[in-house]
Amino acid sequence: MILAENVVKNFGKTVALRSFDLSVPAGSVAAVLGPNGAGKTTAVRILATLLRPDGGCAVVGGHDVVRDPAAVRRVIGLTGQYASVDADLSGVENLVLVGRLLGLSRAAAKARAVELLKRFGLTDSANRPSTTYSGGMRRRLDLAASLVGRPRVLYLDEPTTGLDPHARRELWAEVRHLVADGVTVLLTTQYLEEADQLADRITVLDGGSVVAEGTADELKRRTGGHTLQVRTTSLADTDTAAQIVRRITRSTPLQDSDTGLLTAPVSDPAVLTAVIRELDRAGVTAAEVALRLPSLDEVFLTLTGTSV
């Protein structure tokens, strides 16, 4: 549904994108991660026909973004980094306005507005000025506005920035519903948990270039091995547990001074059993012993040398 090949974009001497490639199957969620200035928003703006690429090609819904931008716009919806609703209009007026701009009759625009307000839990607030909405409500209204035209492709450029965890999870639920209805979603985000929760595939950008691509688990495995976590019931036993972990993993574990949690990289999953056995022999009771893949945050740090 979305295909970009060797896309290049420069702003003067600044390279925003270099040889950017992306392929997103229909009905899936693709996430683009990257530090500030990596080129995420530039990529979205090119795919939304708001910027013209300096090189390469991009096709959305079968339409070239340069040769047929009008056709591209007919199949896409866009929610930017900040809610773009009109604060002086009510929720229903905002959606009717979008519908009319898209060429819907007044009756059709009103019907679509009512439908979307109900879907996003905004019916009771439909006639209130949107300036009275909470941040989460404005974000839901903004997302509803991007769906008035029933897009096949939806771009979400850092859609949950500034939202509290509850509002963020509400928006995640709406994204899952959209995908279940067959909408293809391209998501840029600063929240690695968001990509982990929603994305079928993740593309990591750094300095305008793609540095990694794959599922969350594939990217986690790229960092090499697993992470061993050990936390004793009694903090007094932490040093003994650390000695055991050091001896078995042959690496010095990191220790959280507040919780006593010990972490160490391991390449052999059999280490878990060996550590449990040695803790038992030493008479140390563990509150937690686990083996996990690296977090996306750790993967991101490894790939780009910085954290989101």
C-alpha atoms as a PDB file:
ATOM      1  CA  MET A   1       0.000   0.000   0.000  1.00  0.00           C
ATOM      2  CA  ILE A   2       2.987   2.301   0.653  1.00  0.00           C
ATOM      3  CA  LEU A   3       6.224   1.956  -1.283  1.00  0.00           C
ATOM      4  CA  ALA A   4       9.225   4.286  -1.165  1.00  0.00           C
ATOM      5  CA  GLU A   5      12.463   3.583  -3.005  1.00  0.00           C
ATOM      6  CA  ASN A   6      15.696   5.585  -2.721  1.00  0.00           C
ATOM      7  CA  VAL A   7      13.837   8.728  -1.655  1.00  0.00           C
ATOM      8  CA  VAL A   8      16.109  11.735  -1.156  1.00  0.00           C
ATOM      9  CA  LYS A   9      15.270  15.129   0.340  1.00  0.00           C
ATOM     10  CA  ASN A  10      17.635  18.014   1.003  1.00  0.00           C
ATOM     11  CA  PHE A  11      17.031  21.408   2.583  1.00  0.00           C
ATOM     12  CA  GLY A  12      19.904  23.462   1.285  1.00  0.00           C
ATOM     13  CA  LYS A  13      23.049  21.744   2.530  1.00  0.00           C
ATOM     14  CA  THR A  14      21.093  19.719   5.098  1.00  0.00           C
ATOM     15  CA  VAL A  15      20.319  16.134   4.093  1.00  0.00           C
ATOM     16  CA  ALA A  16      16.916  15.219   5.559  1.00  0.00           C
ATOM     17  CA  LEU A  17      16.521  11.855   3.791  1.00  0.00           C
ATOM     18  CA  ARG A  18      19.067   9.796   1.890  1.00  0.00           C
ATOM     19  CA  SER A  19      18.086   6.608   0.017  1.00  0.00           C
ATOM     20  CA  PHE A  20      14.971   6.149   2.156  1.00  0.00           C
ATOM     21  CA  ASP A  21      13.196   2.835   1.481  1.00  0.00           C
ATOM     22  CA  LEU A  22       9.865   1.705   2.943  1.00  0.00           C
ATOM     23  CA  SER A  23       7.357  -0.998   2.084  1.00  0.00           C
ATOM     24  CA  VAL A  24       4.061  -1.285   3.966  1.00  0.00           C
ATOM     25  CA  PRO A  25       1.538  -4.044   3.122  1.00  0.00           C
ATOM     26  CA  ALA A  26      -2.163  -3.212   3.146  1.00  0.00           C
ATOM     27  CA  GLY A  27      -3.930  -3.562   6.492  1.00  0.00           C
ATOM     28  CA  SER A  28      -0.776  -3.355   8.607  1.00  0.00           C
ATOM     29  CA  VAL A  29       0.936  -0.884  10.935  1.00  0.00           C
ATOM     30  CA  ALA A  30       4.445   0.317  10.116  1.00  0.00           C
ATOM     31  CA  ALA A  31       6.349   2.412  12.646  1.00  0.00           C
ATOM     32  CA  VAL A  32       9.197   4.785  11.836  1.00  0.00           C
ATOM     33  CA  LEU A  33      11.492   5.487  14.761  1.00  0.00           C
ATOM     34  CA  GLY A  34      14.372   7.899  15.017  1.00  0.00           C
ATOM     35  CA  PRO A  35      15.880  10.648  17.142  1.00  0.00           C
ATOM     36  CA  ASN A  36      14.870  14.256  16.573  1.00  0.00           C
ATOM     37  CA  GLY A  37      16.037  15.356  13.131  1.00  0.00           C
ATOM     38  CA  ALA A  38      16.277  11.815  11.788  1.00  0.00           C
ATOM     39  CA  GLY A  39      13.864  12.537   8.918  1.00  0.00           C
ATOM     40  CA  LYS A  40      10.642  10.951  10.211  1.00  0.00           C
ATOM     41  CA  THR A  41       8.333  13.905   9.614  1.00  0.00           C
ATOM     42  CA  THR A  42      10.018  14.676   6.286  1.00  0.00           C
ATOM     43  CA  ALA A  43       9.239  11.129   5.128  1.00  0.00           C
ATOM     44  CA  VAL A  44       5.592  11.465   6.162  1.00  0.00           C
ATOM     45  CA  ARG A  45       5.237  14.840   4.453  1.00  0.00           C
ATOM     46  CA  ILE A  46       6.635  13.413   1.209  1.00  0.00           C
ATOM     47  CA  LEU A  47       4.281  10.428   1.355  1.00  0.00           C
ATOM     48  CA  ALA A  48       1.391  12.827   2.045  1.00  0.00           C
ATOM     49  CA  THR A  49       2.358  14.960  -1.014  1.00  0.00           C
ATOM     50  CA  LEU A  50       3.165  17.974   1.204  1.00  0.00           C
ATOM     51  CA  LEU A  51       6.825  17.907   0.136  1.00  0.00           C
ATOM     52  CA  ARG A  52       8.318  16.985  -3.208  1.00  0.00           C
ATOM     53  CA  PRO A  53      11.248  14.534  -3.052  1.00  0.00           C
ATOM     54  CA  ASP A  54      14.531  15.494  -4.673  1.00  0.00           C
ATOM     55  CA  GLY A  55      15.128  11.936  -5.840  1.00  0.00           C
ATOM     56  CA  GLY A  56      13.736   8.424  -5.815  1.00  0.00           C
ATOM     57  CA  CYS A  57      10.072   7.503  -6.065  1.00  0.00           C
ATOM     58  CA  ALA A  58       7.130   6.913  -3.727  1.00  0.00           C
ATOM     59  CA  VAL A  59       3.794   5.274  -4.457  1.00  0.00           C
ATOM     60  CA  VAL A  60       0.768   5.269  -2.138  1.00  0.00           C
ATOM     61  CA  GLY A  61      -2.321   3.230  -2.924  1.00  0.00           C
ATOM     62  CA  GLY A  62      -0.968   2.657  -6.423  1.00  0.00           C
ATOM     63  CA  HIS A  63      -0.504   6.386  -7.140  1.00  0.00           C
ATOM     64  CA  ASP A  64       2.814   8.197  -7.566  1.00  0.00           C
ATOM     65  CA  VAL A  65       3.158  11.044  -5.049  1.00  0.00           C
ATOM     66  CA  VAL A  66       4.779  13.349  -7.644  1.00  0.00           C
ATOM     67  CA  ARG A  67       2.900  12.484 -10.849  1.00  0.00           C
ATOM     68  CA  ASP A  68      -0.563  12.063  -9.298  1.00  0.00           C
ATOM     69  CA  PRO A  69      -0.705  13.829  -5.916  1.00  0.00           C
ATOM     70  CA  ALA A  70      -4.460  14.454  -6.119  1.00  0.00           C
ATOM     71  CA  ALA A  71      -5.129  10.716  -6.360  1.00  0.00           C
ATOM     72  CA  VAL A  72      -2.839  10.097  -3.384  1.00  0.00           C
ATOM     73  CA  ARG A  73      -4.717  12.656  -1.302  1.00  0.00           C
ATOM     74  CA  ARG A  74      -7.995  10.893  -2.033  1.00  0.00           C
ATOM     75  CA  VAL A  75      -6.798   7.710  -0.311  1.00  0.00           C
ATOM     76  CA  ILE A  76      -4.938   9.141   2.696  1.00  0.00           C
ATOM     77  CA  GLY A  77      -5.633  10.766   6.045  1.00  0.00           C
ATOM     78  CA  LEU A  78      -3.078  12.624   8.152  1.00  0.00           C
ATOM     79  CA  THR A  79      -2.846  13.405  11.852  1.00  0.00           C
ATOM     80  CA  GLY A  80       0.120  15.639  12.585  1.00  0.00           C
ATOM     81  CA  GLN A  81       2.189  16.073  15.715  1.00  0.00           C
ATOM     82  CA  TYR A  82      -0.245  18.601  17.169  1.00  0.00           C
ATOM     83  CA  ALA A  83      -4.042  18.554  17.153  1.00  0.00           C
ATOM     84  CA  SER A  84      -5.216  20.788  14.302  1.00  0.00           C
ATOM     85  CA  VAL A  85      -8.878  21.177  15.252  1.00  0.00           C
ATOM     86  CA  ASP A  86     -10.431  24.661  15.304  1.00  0.00           C
ATOM     87  CA  ALA A  87     -10.724  25.662  18.964  1.00  0.00           C
ATOM     88  CA  ASP A  88     -13.651  28.015  18.268  1.00  0.00           C
ATOM     89  CA  LEU A  89     -15.784  25.300  16.688  1.00  0.00           C
ATOM     90  CA  SER A  90     -17.584  22.472  18.449  1.00  0.00           C
ATOM     91  CA  GLY A  91     -16.653  18.864  17.872  1.00  0.00           C
ATOM     92  CA  VAL A  92     -19.454  18.303  15.379  1.00  0.00           C
ATOM     93  CA  GLU A  93     -18.726  21.599  13.582  1.00  0.00           C
ATOM     94  CA  ASN A  94     -15.075  20.624  13.152  1.00  0.00           C
ATOM     95  CA  LEU A  95     -15.992  17.336  11.518  1.00  0.00           C
ATOM     96  CA  VAL A  96     -18.736  18.831   9.347  1.00  0.00           C
ATOM     97  CA  LEU A  97     -16.258  21.454   8.126  1.00  0.00           C
ATOM     98  CA  VAL A  98     -13.795  18.735   7.083  1.00  0.00           C
ATOM     99  CA  GLY A  99     -16.575  16.820   5.352  1.00  0.00           C
ATOM    100  CA  ARG A 100     -17.667  19.868   3.393  1.00  0.00           C
ATOM    101  CA  LEU A 101     -14.060  20.599   2.362  1.00  0.00           C
ATOM    102  CA  LEU A 102     -13.885  17.026   1.068  1.00  0.00           C
ATOM    103  CA  GLY A 103     -16.954  17.623  -1.094  1.00  0.00           C
ATOM    104  CA  LEU A 104     -19.622  15.905   1.001  1.00  0.00           C
ATOM    105  CA  SER A 105     -23.113  17.328   1.030  1.00  0.00           C
ATOM    106  CA  ARG A 106     -24.171  19.057   4.266  1.00  0.00           C
ATOM    107  CA  ALA A 107     -26.375  16.098   5.217  1.00  0.00           C
ATOM    108  CA  ALA A 108     -23.656  13.529   4.436  1.00  0.00           C
ATOM    109  CA  ALA A 109     -21.041  15.544   6.342  1.00  0.00           C
ATOM    110  CA  LYS A 110     -23.326  15.790   9.387  1.00  0.00           C
ATOM    111  CA  ALA A 111     -24.087  12.058   9.282  1.00  0.00           C
ATOM    112  CA  ARG A 112     -20.389  11.187   9.048  1.00  0.00           C
ATOM    113  CA  ALA A 113     -19.601  13.579  11.915  1.00  0.00           C
ATOM    114  CA  VAL A 114     -22.221  12.000  14.164  1.00  0.00           C
ATOM    115  CA  GLU A 115     -20.917   8.521  13.292  1.00  0.00           C
ATOM    116  CA  LEU A 116     -17.323   9.402  14.128  1.00  0.00           C
ATOM    117  CA  LEU A 117     -18.171  11.288  17.324  1.00  0.00           C
ATOM    118  CA  LYS A 118     -19.978   8.194  18.559  1.00  0.00           C
ATOM    119  CA  ARG A 119     -17.092   5.931  17.558  1.00  0.00           C
ATOM    120  CA  PHE A 120     -14.582   8.056  19.468  1.00  0.00           C
ATOM    121  CA  GLY A 121     -16.721   8.519  22.565  1.00  0.00           C
ATOM    122  CA  LEU A 122     -17.308  12.232  21.975  1.00  0.00           C
ATOM    123  CA  THR A 123     -21.093  12.315  21.500  1.00  0.00           C
ATOM    124  CA  ASP A 124     -21.768  13.956  24.869  1.00  0.00           C
ATOM    125  CA  SER A 125     -19.270  16.707  24.014  1.00  0.00           C
ATOM    126  CA  ALA A 126     -20.281  17.103  20.371  1.00  0.00           C
ATOM    127  CA  ASN A 127     -21.730  20.588  20.761  1.00  0.00           C
ATOM    128  CA  ARG A 128     -19.107  21.987  23.121  1.00  0.00           C
ATOM    129  CA  PRO A 129     -16.315  24.211  21.770  1.00  0.00           C
ATOM    130  CA  SER A 130     -13.265  22.026  21.276  1.00  0.00           C
ATOM    131  CA  THR A 131     -11.245  24.509  23.336  1.00  0.00           C
ATOM    132  CA  THR A 132     -12.978  22.969  26.379  1.00  0.00           C
ATOM    133  CA  TYR A 133     -11.784  19.442  25.465  1.00  0.00           C
ATOM    134  CA  SER A 134      -9.010  17.673  27.333  1.00  0.00           C
ATOM    135  CA  GLY A 135      -5.798  16.839  25.473  1.00  0.00           C
ATOM    136  CA  GLY A 136      -6.942  13.266  24.936  1.00  0.00           C
ATOM    137  CA  MET A 137     -10.344  14.396  23.637  1.00  0.00           C
ATOM    138  CA  ARG A 138      -8.755  16.846  21.189  1.00  0.00           C
ATOM    139  CA  ARG A 139      -6.459  14.087  19.947  1.00  0.00           C
ATOM    140  CA  ARG A 140      -9.439  11.767  19.395  1.00  0.00           C
ATOM    141  CA  LEU A 141     -11.287  14.556  17.573  1.00  0.00           C
ATOM    142  CA  ASP A 142      -8.208  15.182  15.428  1.00  0.00           C
ATOM    143  CA  LEU A 143      -8.021  11.489  14.560  1.00  0.00           C
ATOM    144  CA  ALA A 144     -11.742  11.479  13.774  1.00  0.00           C
ATOM    145  CA  ALA A 145     -11.208  14.434  11.416  1.00  0.00           C
ATOM    146  CA  SER A 146      -8.559  12.473   9.504  1.00  0.00           C
ATOM    147  CA  LEU A 147     -11.080   9.676   8.983  1.00  0.00           C
ATOM    148  CA  VAL A 148     -13.974  11.737   7.593  1.00  0.00           C
ATOM    149  CA  GLY A 149     -12.971  10.838   4.043  1.00  0.00           C
ATOM    150  CA  ARG A 150     -12.688   7.100   4.840  1.00  0.00           C
ATOM    151  CA  PRO A 151      -8.962   6.898   3.953  1.00  0.00           C
ATOM    152  CA  ARG A 152      -7.323   3.611   3.020  1.00  0.00           C
ATOM    153  CA  VAL A 153      -3.997   4.889   4.366  1.00  0.00           C
ATOM    154  CA  LEU A 154      -3.569   6.844   7.600  1.00  0.00           C
ATOM    155  CA  TYR A 155      -0.424   8.732   8.615  1.00  0.00           C
ATOM    156  CA  LEU A 156       0.008   9.314  12.345  1.00  0.00           C
ATOM    157  CA  ASP A 157       2.937  11.625  13.026  1.00  0.00           C
ATOM    158  CA  GLU A 158       3.711  11.282  16.754  1.00  0.00           C
ATOM    159  CA  PRO A 159      -0.032  11.144  17.546  1.00  0.00           C
ATOM    160  CA  THR A 160       0.237  10.632  21.311  1.00  0.00           C
ATOM    161  CA  THR A 161       2.781  13.349  22.119  1.00  0.00           C
ATOM    162  CA  GLY A 162       1.754  15.025  25.384  1.00  0.00           C
ATOM    163  CA  LEU A 163      -0.965  12.523  26.245  1.00  0.00           C
ATOM    164  CA  ASP A 164      -1.143  10.793  29.614  1.00  0.00           C
ATOM    165  CA  PRO A 165      -0.788   6.973  29.661  1.00  0.00           C
ATOM    166  CA  HIS A 166      -4.563   6.396  29.817  1.00  0.00           C
ATOM    167  CA  ALA A 167      -5.309   8.648  26.825  1.00  0.00           C
ATOM    168  CA  ARG A 168      -2.399   7.081  24.943  1.00  0.00           C
ATOM    169  CA  ARG A 169      -3.824   3.589  25.402  1.00  0.00           C
ATOM    170  CA  GLU A 170      -7.261   4.781  24.299  1.00  0.00           C
ATOM    171  CA  LEU A 171      -5.720   6.037  21.064  1.00  0.00           C
ATOM    172  CA  TRP A 172      -3.851   2.741  20.619  1.00  0.00           C
ATOM    173  CA  ALA A 173      -7.173   0.908  20.859  1.00  0.00           C
ATOM    174  CA  GLU A 174      -8.614   3.109  18.116  1.00  0.00           C
ATOM    175  CA  VAL A 175      -5.610   2.409  15.874  1.00  0.00           C
ATOM    176  CA  ARG A 176      -6.130  -1.340  16.336  1.00  0.00           C
ATOM    177  CA  HIS A 177      -9.797  -0.947  15.382  1.00  0.00           C
ATOM    178  CA  LEU A 178      -8.839   0.941  12.226  1.00  0.00           C
ATOM    179  CA  VAL A 179      -6.386  -1.760  11.173  1.00  0.00           C
ATOM    180  CA  ALA A 180      -9.038  -4.410  11.836  1.00  0.00           C
ATOM    181  CA  ASP A 181     -11.222  -2.475   9.367  1.00  0.00           C
ATOM    182  CA  GLY A 182      -8.488  -2.712   6.726  1.00  0.00           C
ATOM    183  CA  VAL A 183      -6.818   0.698   7.096  1.00  0.00           C
ATOM    184  CA  THR A 184      -3.048   0.805   6.556  1.00  0.00           C
ATOM    185  CA  VAL A 185      -1.255   2.886   9.203  1.00  0.00           C
ATOM    186  CA  LEU A 186       2.137   4.572   9.073  1.00  0.00           C
ATOM    187  CA  LEU A 187       3.152   5.717  12.539  1.00  0.00           C
ATOM    188  CA  THR A 188       6.035   7.885  13.671  1.00  0.00           C
ATOM    189  CA  THR A 189       6.566   7.969  17.399  1.00  0.00           C
ATOM    190  CA  GLN A 190       8.930   8.945  20.191  1.00  0.00           C
ATOM    191  CA  TYR A 191       7.420   6.248  22.422  1.00  0.00           C
ATOM    192  CA  LEU A 192       9.182   2.933  21.900  1.00  0.00           C
ATOM    193  CA  GLU A 193       6.451   1.108  23.822  1.00  0.00           C
ATOM    194  CA  GLU A 194       3.992   2.465  21.259  1.00  0.00           C
ATOM    195  CA  ALA A 195       5.905   0.898  18.381  1.00  0.00           C
ATOM    196  CA  ASP A 196       6.273  -2.332  20.352  1.00  0.00           C
ATOM    197  CA  GLN A 197       2.514  -2.453  20.989  1.00  0.00           C
ATOM    198  CA  LEU A 198       1.190  -1.452  17.570  1.00  0.00           C
ATOM    199  CA  ALA A 199       3.671  -2.010  14.770  1.00  0.00           C
ATOM    200  CA  ASP A 200       3.892  -5.080  12.565  1.00  0.00           C
ATOM    201  CA  ARG A 201       7.252  -3.803  11.291  1.00  0.00           C
ATOM    202  CA  ILE A 202       9.584  -1.052  12.443  1.00  0.00           C
ATOM    203  CA  THR A 203      11.969   1.096  10.425  1.00  0.00           C
ATOM    204  CA  VAL A 204      14.722   2.904  12.335  1.00  0.00           C
ATOM    205  CA  LEU A 205      15.991   6.165  10.842  1.00  0.00           C
ATOM    206  CA  ASP A 206      19.171   7.936  11.845  1.00  0.00           C
ATOM    207  CA  GLY A 207      20.638  10.929  10.041  1.00  0.00           C
ATOM    208  CA  GLY A 208      18.128  10.533   7.221  1.00  0.00           C
ATOM    209  CA  SER A 209      19.115   6.919   6.509  1.00  0.00           C
ATOM    210  CA  VAL A 210      17.461   3.615   7.350  1.00  0.00           C
ATOM    211  CA  VAL A 211      19.749   1.835   9.820  1.00  0.00           C
ATOM    212  CA  ALA A 212      17.500  -1.136  10.616  1.00  0.00           C
ATOM    213  CA  GLU A 213      14.163  -2.663   9.679  1.00  0.00           C
ATOM    214  CA  GLY A 214      12.161  -5.615  10.940  1.00  0.00           C
ATOM    215  CA  THR A 215       9.658  -6.762  13.541  1.00  0.00           C
ATOM    216  CA  ALA A 216      10.174  -5.701  17.152  1.00  0.00           C
ATOM    217  CA  ASP A 217      11.499  -9.150  18.073  1.00  0.00           C
ATOM    218  CA  GLU A 218      13.838  -9.236  15.067  1.00  0.00           C
ATOM    219  CA  LEU A 219      15.318  -5.888  16.050  1.00  0.00           C
ATOM    220  CA  LYS A 220      15.690  -6.999  19.653  1.00  0.00           C
ATOM    221  CA  ARG A 221      17.595 -10.098  18.579  1.00  0.00           C
ATOM    222  CA  ARG A 222      19.989  -7.947  16.534  1.00  0.00           C
ATOM    223  CA  THR A 223      21.570  -6.587  19.715  1.00  0.00           C
ATOM    224  CA  GLY A 224      22.773 -10.106  20.514  1.00  0.00           C
ATOM    225  CA  GLY A 225      21.544 -12.425  23.209  1.00  0.00           C
ATOM    226  CA  HIS A 226      19.264 -11.888  26.159  1.00  0.00           C
ATOM    227  CA  THR A 227      19.344 -10.013  29.440  1.00  0.00           C
ATOM    228  CA  LEU A 228      19.349 -11.882  32.747  1.00  0.00           C
ATOM    229  CA  GLN A 229      17.462 -10.236  35.607  1.00  0.00           C
ATOM    230  CA  VAL A 230      17.872 -11.297  39.244  1.00  0.00           C
ATOM    231  CA  ARG A 231      16.387  -9.671  42.335  1.00  0.00           C
ATOM    232  CA  THR A 232      16.685 -11.207  45.791  1.00  0.00           C
ATOM    233  CA  THR A 233      13.981 -11.171  48.451  1.00  0.00           C
ATOM    234  CA  SER A 234      16.412  -9.615  50.900  1.00  0.00           C
ATOM    235  CA  LEU A 235      18.720  -6.765  49.851  1.00  0.00           C
ATOM    236  CA  ALA A 236      21.309  -8.286  52.186  1.00  0.00           C
ATOM    237  CA  ASP A 237      21.678 -11.170  49.706  1.00  0.00           C
ATOM    238  CA  THR A 238      22.255  -8.927  46.681  1.00  0.00           C
ATOM    239  CA  ASP A 239      26.058  -9.093  46.858  1.00  0.00           C
ATOM    240  CA  THR A 240      26.001 -12.908  47.048  1.00  0.00           C
ATOM    241  CA  ALA A 241      23.640 -13.041  44.063  1.00  0.00           C
ATOM    242  CA  ALA A 242      25.887 -10.614  42.152  1.00  0.00           C
ATOM    243  CA  GLN A 243      28.893 -12.882  42.725  1.00  0.00           C
ATOM    244  CA  ILE A 244      26.929 -15.874  41.405  1.00  0.00           C
ATOM    245  CA  VAL A 245      25.760 -13.968  38.326  1.00  0.00           C
ATOM    246  CA  ARG A 246      29.289 -12.695  37.672  1.00  0.00           C
ATOM    247  CA  ARG A 247      30.779 -16.183  37.946  1.00  0.00           C
ATOM    248  CA  ILE A 248      28.228 -17.833  35.643  1.00  0.00           C
ATOM    249  CA  THR A 249      27.819 -15.091  33.020  1.00  0.00           C
ATOM    250  CA  ARG A 250      31.470 -13.975  33.186  1.00  0.00           C
ATOM    251  CA  SER A 251      30.339 -10.359  33.163  1.00  0.00           C
ATOM    252  CA  THR A 252      29.823  -7.829  35.937  1.00  0.00           C
ATOM    253  CA  PRO A 253      26.082  -7.317  36.462  1.00  0.00           C
ATOM    254  CA  LEU A 254      24.559  -3.858  36.658  1.00  0.00           C
ATOM    255  CA  GLN A 255      22.818  -3.194  39.955  1.00  0.00           C
ATOM    256  CA  ASP A 256      19.869  -0.893  40.647  1.00  0.00           C
ATOM    257  CA  SER A 257      20.724   0.751  43.947  1.00  0.00           C
ATOM    258  CA  ASP A 258      17.058   1.246  44.881  1.00  0.00           C
ATOM    259  CA  THR A 259      15.565  -2.151  44.053  1.00  0.00           C
ATOM    260  CA  GLY A 260      18.653  -4.358  44.072  1.00  0.00           C
ATOM    261  CA  LEU A 261      17.780  -5.643  40.585  1.00  0.00           C
ATOM    262  CA  LEU A 262      20.795  -7.226  38.883  1.00  0.00           C
ATOM    263  CA  THR A 263      21.023  -7.332  35.091  1.00  0.00           C
ATOM    264  CA  ALA A 264      23.636  -8.959  32.882  1.00  0.00           C
ATOM    265  CA  PRO A 265      23.872  -9.800  29.163  1.00  0.00           C
ATOM    266  CA  VAL A 266      23.845 -13.515  28.330  1.00  0.00           C
ATOM    267  CA  SER A 267      24.085 -15.464  25.082  1.00  0.00           C
ATOM    268  CA  ASP A 268      23.050 -18.906  26.356  1.00  0.00           C
ATOM    269  CA  PRO A 269      19.493 -19.328  27.758  1.00  0.00           C
ATOM    270  CA  ALA A 270      20.764 -22.280  29.830  1.00  0.00           C
ATOM    271  CA  VAL A 271      22.368 -19.699  32.121  1.00  0.00           C
ATOM    272  CA  LEU A 272      18.969 -19.125  33.733  1.00  0.00           C
ATOM    273  CA  THR A 273      18.811 -22.667  35.100  1.00  0.00           C
ATOM    274  CA  ALA A 274      22.414 -22.515  36.303  1.00  0.00           C
ATOM    275  CA  VAL A 275      21.816 -19.264  38.195  1.00  0.00           C
ATOM    276  CA  ILE A 276      18.682 -20.611  39.881  1.00  0.00           C
ATOM    277  CA  ARG A 277      20.583 -23.737  40.933  1.00  0.00           C
ATOM    278  CA  GLU A 278      23.487 -21.743  42.391  1.00  0.00           C
ATOM    279  CA  LEU A 279      21.187 -19.339  44.226  1.00  0.00           C
ATOM    280  CA  ASP A 280      19.466 -22.319  45.825  1.00  0.00           C
ATOM    281  CA  ARG A 281      22.799 -23.835  46.879  1.00  0.00           C
ATOM    282  CA  ALA A 282      23.814 -20.535  48.468  1.00  0.00           C
ATOM    283  CA  GLY A 283      20.530 -20.320  50.353  1.00  0.00           C
ATOM    284  CA  VAL A 284      19.510 -17.137  48.548  1.00  0.00           C
ATOM    285  CA  THR A 285      15.791 -16.656  47.939  1.00  0.00           C
ATOM    286  CA  ALA A 286      15.017 -14.822  44.713  1.00  0.00           C
ATOM    287  CA  ALA A 287      11.977 -12.583  44.291  1.00  0.00           C
ATOM    288  CA  GLU A 288      12.651 -12.424  40.557  1.00  0.00           C
ATOM    289  CA  VAL A 289      14.749 -14.418  38.114  1.00  0.00           C
ATOM    290  CA  ALA A 290      14.039 -13.833  34.442  1.00  0.00           C
ATOM    291  CA  LEU A 291      15.513 -13.903  30.976  1.00  0.00           C
ATOM    292  CA  ARG A 292      14.266 -11.352  28.461  1.00  0.00           C
ATOM    293  CA  LEU A 293      15.044  -9.974  25.049  1.00  0.00           C
ATOM    294  CA  PRO A 294      16.485  -6.451  25.026  1.00  0.00           C
ATOM    295  CA  SER A 295      13.928  -3.648  25.195  1.00  0.00           C
ATOM    296  CA  LEU A 296      13.331  -1.499  22.132  1.00  0.00           C
ATOM    297  CA  ASP A 297      14.979   1.331  24.049  1.00  0.00           C
ATOM    298  CA  GLU A 298      18.170  -0.748  24.346  1.00  0.00           C
ATOM    299  CA  VAL A 299      17.926  -1.673  20.662  1.00  0.00           C
ATOM    300  CA  PHE A 300      17.493   1.969  19.704  1.00  0.00           C
ATOM    301  CA  LEU A 301      20.488   2.999  21.799  1.00  0.00           C
ATOM    302  CA  THR A 302      22.606   0.288  20.153  1.00  0.00           C
ATOM    303  CA  LEU A 303      21.535   1.226  16.612  1.00  0.00           C
ATOM    304  CA  THR A 304      21.723   5.011  16.841  1.00  0.00           C
ATOM    305  CA  GLY A 305      23.950   5.747  19.842  1.00  0.00           C
ATOM    306  CA  THR A 306      21.173   7.813  21.403  1.00  0.00           C
ATOM    307  CA  SER A 307      17.804   7.273  23.056  1.00  0.00           C
ATOM    308  CA  VAL A 308      14.449   8.533  21.846  1.00  0.00           C
END
